[in-house]
């Protein structure tokens, strides 16, 4: 058994192709999608186009990446809080959900960073191609979207038993995908 607290731990144990990923260290979360400051600028630009809720921005960014990447609420909402505290945006709570709009200071900052915003959009295109790697069929993409949505809707109801149940479901599903079909496909003889 590996020591998860060791700074020099191995990546994966080789038995099933999956690594147990403790904590939230950078190496276990995949490639960085945004350079420092990119997300702040992108959110500011999205809000300038149309006032919206944080969840709407998550969906817009996911759409920009053709579904290959979806930012987590744990990344989006702290960034929105920073922009709000910097007086770049205003958050108006309606029905318990904040709807964000840009301020004059935000518009000024956005106009001063127009070239940087172009760079963010170019990096998104490059990242999108890199993240897609192997295109997934539309049905698989939709199923992954449904899984993300189900996990987000489950927010706040994580008992210890439920955590174990969902963890096992996800790990078993991932292993079954890697293992492939139970019956190998029949290959035609080329004579």
N, C-alpha and C. Protein backbone atom coordinates (compact mmCIF):
# COMPACT_ATOMS: atom_id res chain seq x y z
N UNK A 1 0.84 -1.19 0.00
CA UNK A 1 0.00 0.00 0.00
C UNK A 1 0.88 1.24 0.00
N UNK A 2 0.50 2.21 -0.81
CA UNK A 2 1.32 3.41 -0.93
C UNK A 2 1.03 4.39 0.20
N UNK A 3 2.03 5.17 0.55
CA UNK A 3 1.87 6.23 1.53
C UNK A 3 1.47 7.49 0.79
N UNK A 4 0.21 7.93 0.96
CA UNK A 4 -0.29 9.10 0.24
C UNK A 4 0.32 10.40 0.73
N UNK A 5 1.00 10.35 1.86
CA UNK A 5 1.56 11.59 2.39
C UNK A 5 3.01 11.79 1.97
N UNK A 6 3.56 10.81 1.32
CA UNK A 6 4.94 10.91 0.88
C UNK A 6 5.06 11.85 -0.30
N UNK A 7 6.02 12.78 -0.29
CA UNK A 7 6.16 13.70 -1.41
C UNK A 7 6.63 13.00 -2.68
N UNK A 8 7.14 11.78 -2.56
CA UNK A 8 7.66 11.06 -3.72
C UNK A 8 6.83 9.81 -3.99
N UNK A 9 5.51 9.92 -3.89
CA UNK A 9 4.68 8.74 -4.10
C UNK A 9 4.64 8.35 -5.56
N UNK A 10 4.34 7.06 -5.78
CA UNK A 10 4.24 6.56 -7.15
C UNK A 10 2.92 7.02 -7.75
N UNK A 11 2.85 7.06 -9.08
CA UNK A 11 1.61 7.38 -9.77
C UNK A 11 0.95 6.09 -10.20
N UNK A 12 -0.10 5.69 -9.47
CA UNK A 12 -0.84 4.49 -9.81
C UNK A 12 -0.14 3.25 -9.28
N UNK A 13 -0.93 2.20 -9.10
CA UNK A 13 -0.31 0.97 -8.63
C UNK A 13 -0.24 -0.07 -9.74
N UNK A 14 -0.72 0.27 -10.94
CA UNK A 14 -0.57 -0.61 -12.07
C UNK A 14 -1.58 -1.74 -12.15
N UNK A 15 -2.34 -1.99 -11.10
CA UNK A 15 -3.27 -3.12 -11.12
C UNK A 15 -4.44 -2.86 -12.05
N UNK A 16 -5.07 -1.68 -11.95
CA UNK A 16 -6.25 -1.45 -12.78
C UNK A 16 -6.14 -0.18 -13.62
N UNK A 17 -5.00 0.48 -13.59
CA UNK A 17 -4.82 1.67 -14.41
C UNK A 17 -5.33 2.94 -13.76
N UNK A 18 -5.85 2.86 -12.55
CA UNK A 18 -6.36 4.05 -11.87
C UNK A 18 -5.52 4.37 -10.67
N UNK A 19 -5.27 5.64 -10.51
CA UNK A 19 -4.49 6.11 -9.38
C UNK A 19 -5.46 6.62 -8.33
N UNK A 20 -5.20 6.29 -7.08
CA UNK A 20 -5.98 6.90 -6.00
C UNK A 20 -5.41 8.29 -5.80
N UNK A 21 -6.27 9.30 -5.83
CA UNK A 21 -5.79 10.68 -5.84
C UNK A 21 -6.20 11.42 -4.58
N UNK A 22 -5.37 11.40 -3.56
CA UNK A 22 -5.71 12.10 -2.33
C UNK A 22 -5.52 13.60 -2.48
N UNK A 23 -6.21 14.34 -1.65
CA UNK A 23 -6.00 15.79 -1.60
C UNK A 23 -6.34 16.46 -2.91
N UNK A 24 -5.83 17.68 -3.08
CA UNK A 24 -6.12 18.45 -4.28
C UNK A 24 -4.85 19.05 -4.85
N UNK A 25 -3.81 18.21 -4.91
CA UNK A 25 -2.57 18.73 -5.45
C UNK A 25 -2.67 18.89 -6.96
N UNK A 26 -1.92 19.79 -7.53
CA UNK A 26 -1.98 20.13 -8.96
C UNK A 26 -1.82 18.91 -9.85
N UNK A 27 -0.87 18.04 -9.54
CA UNK A 27 -0.58 16.91 -10.41
C UNK A 27 -1.74 15.95 -10.58
N UNK A 28 -2.67 15.94 -9.65
CA UNK A 28 -3.76 14.98 -9.73
C UNK A 28 -5.01 15.55 -10.40
N UNK A 29 -5.02 16.82 -10.78
CA UNK A 29 -6.23 17.41 -11.32
C UNK A 29 -6.17 17.60 -12.83
N UNK A 30 -5.13 17.18 -13.46
CA UNK A 30 -5.06 17.35 -14.90
C UNK A 30 -4.38 18.66 -15.26
N UNK A 31 -4.32 18.94 -16.55
CA UNK A 31 -3.58 20.13 -17.00
C UNK A 31 -4.28 21.42 -16.60
N UNK A 32 -3.50 22.45 -16.37
CA UNK A 32 -4.04 23.77 -16.08
C UNK A 32 -4.62 24.31 -17.38
N UNK A 33 -5.85 24.78 -17.32
CA UNK A 33 -6.54 25.28 -18.51
C UNK A 33 -6.30 26.77 -18.69
N UNK A 34 -6.33 27.51 -17.60
CA UNK A 34 -6.18 28.96 -17.67
C UNK A 34 -4.86 29.41 -17.05
N UNK A 35 -4.22 30.37 -17.69
CA UNK A 35 -3.04 31.01 -17.12
C UNK A 35 -3.52 31.94 -16.00
N UNK A 36 -2.62 32.32 -15.08
CA UNK A 36 -3.05 33.24 -14.01
C UNK A 36 -3.69 34.50 -14.59
N UNK A 37 -4.84 34.85 -14.06
CA UNK A 37 -5.55 36.05 -14.50
C UNK A 37 -6.51 35.84 -15.65
N UNK A 38 -6.36 34.72 -16.39
CA UNK A 38 -7.22 34.47 -17.55
C UNK A 38 -8.69 34.34 -17.16
N UNK A 39 -8.96 33.57 -16.11
CA UNK A 39 -10.34 33.32 -15.73
C UNK A 39 -11.03 34.61 -15.29
N UNK A 40 -10.33 35.45 -14.53
CA UNK A 40 -10.90 36.74 -14.10
C UNK A 40 -11.30 37.56 -15.32
N UNK A 41 -10.43 37.63 -16.28
CA UNK A 41 -10.68 38.42 -17.48
C UNK A 41 -11.83 37.82 -18.30
N UNK A 42 -11.85 36.50 -18.42
CA UNK A 42 -12.91 35.84 -19.18
C UNK A 42 -14.27 36.05 -18.52
N UNK A 43 -14.34 35.88 -17.20
CA UNK A 43 -15.61 36.09 -16.50
C UNK A 43 -16.09 37.53 -16.65
N UNK A 44 -15.17 38.47 -16.55
CA UNK A 44 -15.51 39.88 -16.73
C UNK A 44 -16.09 40.11 -18.13
N UNK A 45 -15.48 39.51 -19.14
CA UNK A 45 -15.96 39.65 -20.51
C UNK A 45 -17.34 39.02 -20.68
N UNK A 46 -17.56 37.84 -20.08
CA UNK A 46 -18.87 37.18 -20.19
C UNK A 46 -19.97 38.02 -19.53
N UNK A 47 -19.65 38.59 -18.38
CA UNK A 47 -20.63 39.43 -17.67
C UNK A 47 -20.89 40.71 -18.45
N UNK A 48 -19.87 41.25 -19.12
CA UNK A 48 -20.05 42.46 -19.93
C UNK A 48 -20.99 42.19 -21.10
N UNK A 49 -20.92 40.97 -21.67
CA UNK A 49 -21.80 40.61 -22.78
C UNK A 49 -23.24 40.51 -22.32
N UNK A 50 -23.46 39.93 -21.13
CA UNK A 50 -24.82 39.77 -20.61
C UNK A 50 -24.75 39.43 -19.13
N UNK A 51 -25.45 40.18 -18.28
CA UNK A 51 -25.49 39.83 -16.86
C UNK A 51 -25.99 38.39 -16.70
N UNK A 52 -25.37 37.64 -15.78
CA UNK A 52 -25.75 36.25 -15.62
C UNK A 52 -25.36 35.72 -14.24
N UNK A 53 -25.80 34.51 -13.96
CA UNK A 53 -25.49 33.81 -12.72
C UNK A 53 -24.20 33.01 -12.90
N UNK A 54 -23.58 32.62 -11.80
CA UNK A 54 -22.35 31.84 -11.85
C UNK A 54 -22.53 30.54 -12.62
N UNK A 55 -23.65 29.85 -12.39
CA UNK A 55 -23.91 28.59 -13.08
C UNK A 55 -23.96 28.81 -14.60
N UNK A 56 -24.55 29.93 -15.03
CA UNK A 56 -24.61 30.24 -16.46
C UNK A 56 -23.21 30.39 -17.04
N UNK A 57 -22.31 31.01 -16.28
CA UNK A 57 -20.93 31.19 -16.75
C UNK A 57 -20.21 29.85 -16.85
N UNK A 58 -20.47 28.96 -15.92
CA UNK A 58 -19.88 27.62 -15.99
C UNK A 58 -20.31 26.96 -17.30
N UNK A 59 -21.59 27.02 -17.61
CA UNK A 59 -22.12 26.42 -18.85
C UNK A 59 -21.54 27.10 -20.09
N UNK A 60 -21.41 28.43 -20.05
CA UNK A 60 -20.84 29.15 -21.21
C UNK A 60 -19.40 28.72 -21.46
N UNK A 61 -18.62 28.60 -20.40
CA UNK A 61 -17.22 28.19 -20.54
C UNK A 61 -17.15 26.75 -21.03
N UNK A 62 -17.99 25.89 -20.48
CA UNK A 62 -18.04 24.50 -20.95
C UNK A 62 -18.35 24.46 -22.45
N UNK A 63 -19.24 25.30 -22.89
CA UNK A 63 -19.59 25.38 -24.31
C UNK A 63 -18.41 25.86 -25.15
N UNK A 64 -17.64 26.82 -24.63
CA UNK A 64 -16.45 27.31 -25.35
C UNK A 64 -15.46 26.19 -25.61
N UNK A 65 -15.42 25.22 -24.69
CA UNK A 65 -14.50 24.09 -24.81
C UNK A 65 -15.17 22.88 -25.44
N UNK A 66 -16.34 23.07 -26.04
CA UNK A 66 -17.09 21.98 -26.66
C UNK A 66 -17.29 20.81 -25.70
N UNK A 67 -17.46 21.12 -24.42
CA UNK A 67 -17.70 20.09 -23.42
C UNK A 67 -16.47 19.37 -22.92
N UNK A 68 -15.29 19.68 -23.45
CA UNK A 68 -14.07 18.98 -23.04
C UNK A 68 -13.57 19.45 -21.67
N UNK A 69 -14.07 20.59 -21.20
CA UNK A 69 -13.66 21.13 -19.90
C UNK A 69 -14.85 21.88 -19.32
N UNK A 70 -15.05 21.73 -18.03
CA UNK A 70 -16.07 22.48 -17.32
C UNK A 70 -15.46 22.96 -16.01
N UNK A 71 -15.40 24.28 -15.80
CA UNK A 71 -14.82 24.76 -14.55
C UNK A 71 -15.71 24.41 -13.37
N UNK A 72 -15.11 24.13 -12.24
CA UNK A 72 -15.89 23.77 -11.06
C UNK A 72 -16.41 25.04 -10.37
N UNK A 73 -17.51 24.90 -9.66
CA UNK A 73 -18.00 26.04 -8.86
C UNK A 73 -16.93 26.53 -7.88
N UNK A 74 -16.07 25.63 -7.42
CA UNK A 74 -15.00 25.99 -6.48
C UNK A 74 -13.93 26.88 -7.09
N UNK A 75 -13.94 27.02 -8.41
CA UNK A 75 -13.03 27.93 -9.10
C UNK A 75 -13.78 29.20 -9.50
N UNK A 76 -15.00 29.04 -9.97
CA UNK A 76 -15.78 30.17 -10.48
C UNK A 76 -16.20 31.13 -9.38
N UNK A 77 -16.81 30.62 -8.32
CA UNK A 77 -17.38 31.52 -7.31
C UNK A 77 -16.34 32.33 -6.53
N UNK A 78 -15.19 31.78 -6.17
CA UNK A 78 -14.18 32.64 -5.54
C UNK A 78 -13.67 33.73 -6.49
N UNK A 79 -13.60 33.42 -7.78
CA UNK A 79 -13.17 34.42 -8.75
C UNK A 79 -14.22 35.52 -8.88
N UNK A 80 -15.49 35.14 -8.87
CA UNK A 80 -16.57 36.14 -8.91
C UNK A 80 -16.54 37.00 -7.65
N UNK A 81 -16.27 36.39 -6.50
CA UNK A 81 -16.16 37.15 -5.25
C UNK A 81 -15.02 38.16 -5.34
N UNK A 82 -13.88 37.72 -5.89
CA UNK A 82 -12.75 38.64 -6.06
C UNK A 82 -13.14 39.82 -6.96
N UNK A 83 -13.79 39.53 -8.09
CA UNK A 83 -14.20 40.61 -9.01
C UNK A 83 -15.20 41.55 -8.34
N UNK A 84 -16.07 40.98 -7.53
CA UNK A 84 -17.07 41.81 -6.82
C UNK A 84 -16.38 42.69 -5.77
N UNK A 85 -15.46 42.11 -5.01
CA UNK A 85 -14.73 42.88 -3.99
C UNK A 85 -13.84 43.94 -4.63
N UNK A 86 -13.40 43.70 -5.87
CA UNK A 86 -12.59 44.67 -6.60
C UNK A 86 -13.44 45.72 -7.30
N UNK A 87 -14.75 45.62 -7.10
CA UNK A 87 -15.73 46.55 -7.66
C UNK A 87 -15.75 46.55 -9.19
N UNK A 88 -15.41 45.40 -9.78
CA UNK A 88 -15.47 45.24 -11.24
C UNK A 88 -16.86 44.76 -11.66
N UNK A 89 -17.54 44.03 -10.75
CA UNK A 89 -18.89 43.53 -11.01
C UNK A 89 -19.75 43.78 -9.77
N UNK A 90 -21.05 43.70 -9.98
CA UNK A 90 -22.01 43.77 -8.89
C UNK A 90 -22.80 42.49 -8.87
N UNK A 91 -23.03 41.94 -7.69
CA UNK A 91 -23.85 40.74 -7.55
C UNK A 91 -25.17 41.11 -6.90
N UNK A 92 -26.25 40.91 -7.63
CA UNK A 92 -27.60 41.22 -7.13
C UNK A 92 -28.30 39.90 -6.84
N UNK A 93 -28.58 39.64 -5.56
CA UNK A 93 -29.22 38.39 -5.17
C UNK A 93 -30.71 38.45 -5.47
N UNK A 94 -31.14 37.53 -6.32
CA UNK A 94 -32.58 37.42 -6.60
C UNK A 94 -32.97 35.97 -6.42
N UNK A 95 -33.87 35.72 -5.52
CA UNK A 95 -34.27 34.34 -5.26
C UNK A 95 -33.15 33.48 -4.71
N UNK A 96 -32.21 34.09 -4.00
CA UNK A 96 -31.11 33.34 -3.41
C UNK A 96 -29.93 33.11 -4.35
N UNK A 97 -30.07 33.48 -5.62
CA UNK A 97 -28.98 33.31 -6.58
C UNK A 97 -28.50 34.69 -7.02
N UNK A 98 -27.19 34.88 -7.02
CA UNK A 98 -26.64 36.16 -7.44
C UNK A 98 -26.59 36.26 -8.95
N UNK A 99 -27.02 37.38 -9.45
CA UNK A 99 -26.91 37.69 -10.87
C UNK A 99 -25.89 38.81 -10.97
N UNK A 100 -24.84 38.57 -11.75
CA UNK A 100 -23.73 39.50 -11.82
C UNK A 100 -23.85 40.41 -13.03
N UNK A 101 -23.49 41.68 -12.80
CA UNK A 101 -23.44 42.66 -13.90
C UNK A 101 -22.14 43.44 -13.76
N UNK A 102 -21.68 44.00 -14.87
CA UNK A 102 -20.40 44.71 -14.88
C UNK A 102 -20.58 46.15 -14.41
N UNK A 103 -19.56 46.68 -13.77
CA UNK A 103 -19.57 48.08 -13.34
C UNK A 103 -18.78 48.91 -14.34
N UNK A 104 -18.81 50.22 -14.16
CA UNK A 104 -18.00 51.10 -15.02
C UNK A 104 -16.52 50.78 -14.87
N UNK A 105 -16.09 50.50 -13.64
CA UNK A 105 -14.68 50.13 -13.42
C UNK A 105 -14.34 48.83 -14.14
N UNK A 106 -15.28 47.90 -14.17
CA UNK A 106 -15.07 46.65 -14.88
C UNK A 106 -14.97 46.86 -16.38
N UNK A 107 -15.83 47.73 -16.92
CA UNK A 107 -15.78 48.04 -18.36
C UNK A 107 -14.44 48.69 -18.72
N UNK A 108 -13.99 49.61 -17.88
CA UNK A 108 -12.71 50.27 -18.12
C UNK A 108 -11.58 49.25 -18.10
N UNK A 109 -11.56 48.38 -17.10
CA UNK A 109 -10.53 47.35 -17.00
C UNK A 109 -10.55 46.44 -18.22
N UNK A 110 -11.74 46.08 -18.66
CA UNK A 110 -11.89 45.20 -19.82
C UNK A 110 -11.36 45.87 -21.09
N UNK A 111 -11.66 47.16 -21.25
CA UNK A 111 -11.18 47.86 -22.45
C UNK A 111 -9.65 48.01 -22.42
N UNK A 112 -9.08 48.18 -21.23
CA UNK A 112 -7.63 48.30 -21.11
C UNK A 112 -6.93 46.96 -21.35
N UNK A 113 -7.67 45.86 -21.23
CA UNK A 113 -7.08 44.54 -21.38
C UNK A 113 -7.59 43.81 -22.62
N UNK A 114 -8.00 44.55 -23.63
CA UNK A 114 -8.57 43.95 -24.84
C UNK A 114 -7.59 42.97 -25.51
N UNK A 115 -6.32 43.34 -25.56
CA UNK A 115 -5.32 42.46 -26.19
C UNK A 115 -5.14 41.19 -25.35
N UNK A 116 -5.11 41.36 -24.03
CA UNK A 116 -4.98 40.20 -23.14
C UNK A 116 -6.19 39.26 -23.30
N UNK A 117 -7.39 39.83 -23.48
CA UNK A 117 -8.59 39.02 -23.68
C UNK A 117 -8.49 38.23 -24.98
N UNK A 118 -7.96 38.83 -26.03
CA UNK A 118 -7.73 38.10 -27.28
C UNK A 118 -6.81 36.91 -27.04
N UNK A 119 -5.78 37.12 -26.22
CA UNK A 119 -4.86 36.04 -25.87
C UNK A 119 -5.55 34.92 -25.12
N UNK A 120 -6.46 35.28 -24.20
CA UNK A 120 -7.22 34.27 -23.45
C UNK A 120 -8.04 33.43 -24.43
N UNK A 121 -8.72 34.09 -25.36
CA UNK A 121 -9.56 33.37 -26.33
C UNK A 121 -8.70 32.45 -27.22
N UNK A 122 -7.51 32.90 -27.59
CA UNK A 122 -6.61 32.05 -28.38
C UNK A 122 -6.17 30.83 -27.56
N UNK A 123 -5.84 31.05 -26.29
CA UNK A 123 -5.42 29.94 -25.43
C UNK A 123 -6.57 28.95 -25.22
N UNK A 124 -7.80 29.44 -25.18
CA UNK A 124 -8.95 28.54 -25.06
C UNK A 124 -9.01 27.62 -26.27
N UNK A 125 -8.82 28.17 -27.46
CA UNK A 125 -8.85 27.35 -28.69
C UNK A 125 -7.75 26.29 -28.66
N UNK A 126 -6.56 26.68 -28.23
CA UNK A 126 -5.45 25.72 -28.16
C UNK A 126 -5.76 24.65 -27.10
N UNK A 127 -6.22 25.09 -25.93
CA UNK A 127 -6.54 24.15 -24.86
C UNK A 127 -7.66 23.21 -25.27
N UNK A 128 -8.64 23.74 -25.98
CA UNK A 128 -9.78 22.92 -26.40
C UNK A 128 -9.29 21.77 -27.27
N UNK A 129 -8.43 22.06 -28.22
CA UNK A 129 -7.90 21.00 -29.10
C UNK A 129 -7.09 19.99 -28.29
N UNK A 130 -6.31 20.48 -27.34
CA UNK A 130 -5.49 19.61 -26.52
C UNK A 130 -6.34 18.73 -25.61
N UNK A 131 -7.35 19.32 -24.99
CA UNK A 131 -8.21 18.58 -24.07
C UNK A 131 -9.06 17.54 -24.78
N UNK A 132 -9.49 17.85 -25.98
CA UNK A 132 -10.36 16.93 -26.71
C UNK A 132 -9.62 15.64 -27.03
N UNK A 133 -8.36 15.78 -27.41
CA UNK A 133 -7.55 14.60 -27.70
C UNK A 133 -8.27 13.63 -28.61
N UNK A 134 -9.04 12.79 -28.04
CA UNK A 134 -9.82 11.82 -28.80
C UNK A 134 -11.28 12.25 -28.69
N UNK A 135 -11.87 12.51 -29.82
CA UNK A 135 -13.28 12.92 -29.81
C UNK A 135 -14.15 11.79 -29.29
N UNK A 136 -15.10 12.17 -28.46
CA UNK A 136 -16.06 11.21 -27.93
C UNK A 136 -17.33 11.30 -28.75
N UNK A 137 -18.03 10.20 -28.92
CA UNK A 137 -19.33 10.26 -29.59
C UNK A 137 -20.28 11.16 -28.79
N UNK A 138 -21.23 11.75 -29.49
CA UNK A 138 -22.18 12.68 -28.86
C UNK A 138 -22.91 12.02 -27.69
N UNK A 139 -23.24 10.73 -27.82
CA UNK A 139 -23.97 10.05 -26.75
C UNK A 139 -23.12 9.95 -25.47
N UNK A 140 -21.82 9.74 -25.64
CA UNK A 140 -20.92 9.67 -24.48
C UNK A 140 -20.76 11.05 -23.87
N UNK A 141 -20.59 12.06 -24.72
CA UNK A 141 -20.47 13.44 -24.24
C UNK A 141 -21.70 13.81 -23.41
N UNK A 142 -22.88 13.47 -23.89
CA UNK A 142 -24.13 13.77 -23.17
C UNK A 142 -24.17 13.03 -21.83
N UNK A 143 -23.74 11.78 -21.82
CA UNK A 143 -23.73 11.01 -20.57
C UNK A 143 -22.78 11.63 -19.54
N UNK A 144 -21.61 12.10 -19.99
CA UNK A 144 -20.66 12.76 -19.09
C UNK A 144 -21.27 14.05 -18.54
N UNK A 145 -21.95 14.79 -19.41
CA UNK A 145 -22.63 16.02 -18.97
C UNK A 145 -23.68 15.68 -17.91
N UNK A 146 -24.46 14.63 -18.13
CA UNK A 146 -25.48 14.22 -17.17
C UNK A 146 -24.86 13.82 -15.83
N UNK A 147 -23.70 13.16 -15.89
CA UNK A 147 -23.01 12.78 -14.65
C UNK A 147 -22.57 14.02 -13.88
N UNK A 148 -21.96 14.98 -14.57
CA UNK A 148 -21.54 16.23 -13.90
C UNK A 148 -22.74 16.91 -13.26
N UNK A 149 -23.82 16.97 -14.01
CA UNK A 149 -25.03 17.63 -13.51
C UNK A 149 -25.57 16.91 -12.27
N UNK A 150 -25.60 15.57 -12.31
CA UNK A 150 -26.08 14.79 -11.16
C UNK A 150 -25.23 15.06 -9.92
N UNK A 151 -23.91 15.15 -10.10
CA UNK A 151 -23.03 15.42 -8.96
C UNK A 151 -23.25 16.82 -8.41
N UNK A 152 -23.49 17.79 -9.30
CA UNK A 152 -23.74 19.16 -8.83
C UNK A 152 -25.08 19.25 -8.11
N UNK A 153 -26.08 18.51 -8.59
CA UNK A 153 -27.41 18.54 -7.96
C UNK A 153 -27.38 17.85 -6.59
N UNK A 154 -26.40 17.02 -6.34
CA UNK A 154 -26.29 16.26 -5.10
C UNK A 154 -25.68 17.10 -3.98
N UNK A 155 -25.31 18.32 -4.29
CA UNK A 155 -24.60 19.22 -3.39
C UNK A 155 -25.23 19.25 -1.98
N UNK A 156 -24.40 19.06 -0.98
CA UNK A 156 -24.82 19.22 0.40
C UNK A 156 -25.43 17.99 1.04
N UNK A 157 -25.61 16.92 0.31
CA UNK A 157 -26.25 15.72 0.87
C UNK A 157 -25.27 14.55 0.90
N UNK A 158 -24.05 14.81 1.31
CA UNK A 158 -23.02 13.77 1.27
C UNK A 158 -22.80 13.15 2.65
N UNK A 159 -23.58 12.15 2.98
CA UNK A 159 -23.33 11.39 4.22
C UNK A 159 -22.13 10.48 3.96
N UNK A 160 -21.50 10.00 5.01
CA UNK A 160 -20.36 9.09 4.80
C UNK A 160 -20.73 7.87 3.94
N UNK A 161 -21.93 7.33 4.15
CA UNK A 161 -22.37 6.17 3.37
C UNK A 161 -22.56 6.55 1.91
N UNK A 162 -23.14 7.72 1.67
CA UNK A 162 -23.39 8.17 0.30
C UNK A 162 -22.08 8.45 -0.43
N UNK A 163 -21.11 8.99 0.26
CA UNK A 163 -19.79 9.23 -0.34
C UNK A 163 -19.20 7.92 -0.83
N UNK A 164 -19.25 6.89 0.02
CA UNK A 164 -18.70 5.58 -0.36
C UNK A 164 -19.48 4.97 -1.52
N UNK A 165 -20.81 5.08 -1.49
CA UNK A 165 -21.64 4.52 -2.55
C UNK A 165 -21.31 5.16 -3.90
N UNK A 166 -21.26 6.49 -3.94
CA UNK A 166 -21.01 7.19 -5.20
C UNK A 166 -19.57 6.96 -5.65
N UNK A 167 -18.63 6.97 -4.71
CA UNK A 167 -17.23 6.68 -5.06
C UNK A 167 -17.11 5.32 -5.74
N UNK A 168 -17.75 4.31 -5.13
CA UNK A 168 -17.68 2.95 -5.69
C UNK A 168 -18.35 2.88 -7.06
N UNK A 169 -19.49 3.54 -7.22
CA UNK A 169 -20.16 3.56 -8.53
C UNK A 169 -19.24 4.15 -9.59
N UNK A 170 -18.64 5.30 -9.29
CA UNK A 170 -17.79 5.97 -10.27
C UNK A 170 -16.52 5.18 -10.57
N UNK A 171 -15.87 4.66 -9.52
CA UNK A 171 -14.65 3.88 -9.74
C UNK A 171 -14.93 2.59 -10.52
N UNK A 172 -16.03 1.90 -10.19
CA UNK A 172 -16.38 0.67 -10.91
C UNK A 172 -16.72 0.96 -12.36
N UNK A 173 -17.41 2.05 -12.61
CA UNK A 173 -17.75 2.43 -13.98
C UNK A 173 -16.48 2.75 -14.77
N UNK A 174 -15.59 3.52 -14.16
CA UNK A 174 -14.35 3.87 -14.84
C UNK A 174 -13.53 2.62 -15.16
N UNK A 175 -13.45 1.70 -14.21
CA UNK A 175 -12.70 0.46 -14.43
C UNK A 175 -13.34 -0.35 -15.55
N UNK A 176 -14.68 -0.44 -15.58
CA UNK A 176 -15.37 -1.19 -16.62
C UNK A 176 -15.12 -0.59 -18.00
N UNK A 177 -15.02 0.73 -18.07
CA UNK A 177 -14.74 1.38 -19.35
C UNK A 177 -13.33 1.01 -19.83
N UNK A 178 -12.36 1.06 -18.92
CA UNK A 178 -10.99 0.74 -19.28
C UNK A 178 -10.84 -0.74 -19.64
N UNK A 179 -11.52 -1.60 -18.89
CA UNK A 179 -11.43 -3.04 -19.14
C UNK A 179 -12.03 -3.43 -20.48
N UNK A 180 -12.96 -2.63 -20.99
CA UNK A 180 -13.56 -2.92 -22.29
C UNK A 180 -14.75 -3.84 -22.18
N UNK A 181 -15.29 -4.23 -23.32
CA UNK A 181 -16.50 -5.07 -23.31
C UNK A 181 -16.21 -6.44 -22.70
N UNK A 182 -17.25 -7.01 -22.08
CA UNK A 182 -17.10 -8.33 -21.45
C UNK A 182 -16.81 -9.40 -22.50
N UNK A 183 -17.38 -9.25 -23.67
CA UNK A 183 -17.17 -10.21 -24.76
C UNK A 183 -16.40 -9.48 -25.86
N UNK A 184 -15.24 -10.01 -26.26
CA UNK A 184 -14.49 -9.31 -27.31
C UNK A 184 -15.30 -9.28 -28.61
N UNK A 185 -15.19 -8.18 -29.36
CA UNK A 185 -15.94 -8.09 -30.60
C UNK A 185 -15.45 -9.14 -31.60
N UNK A 186 -16.38 -9.66 -32.39
CA UNK A 186 -16.04 -10.65 -33.40
C UNK A 186 -15.38 -9.95 -34.57
N UNK A 187 -14.21 -10.45 -34.96
CA UNK A 187 -13.49 -9.87 -36.10
C UNK A 187 -13.77 -10.71 -37.33
N UNK A 188 -14.03 -10.00 -38.41
CA UNK A 188 -14.29 -10.71 -39.67
C UNK A 188 -12.98 -11.18 -40.27
N UNK A 189 -13.02 -12.36 -40.87
CA UNK A 189 -11.84 -12.90 -41.55
C UNK A 189 -11.71 -12.27 -42.92
N UNK A 190 -10.57 -11.71 -43.20
CA UNK A 190 -10.33 -11.14 -44.52
C UNK A 190 -9.64 -12.18 -45.37
N UNK A 191 -10.38 -12.86 -46.23
CA UNK A 191 -9.79 -13.92 -47.05
C UNK A 191 -9.65 -13.48 -48.47
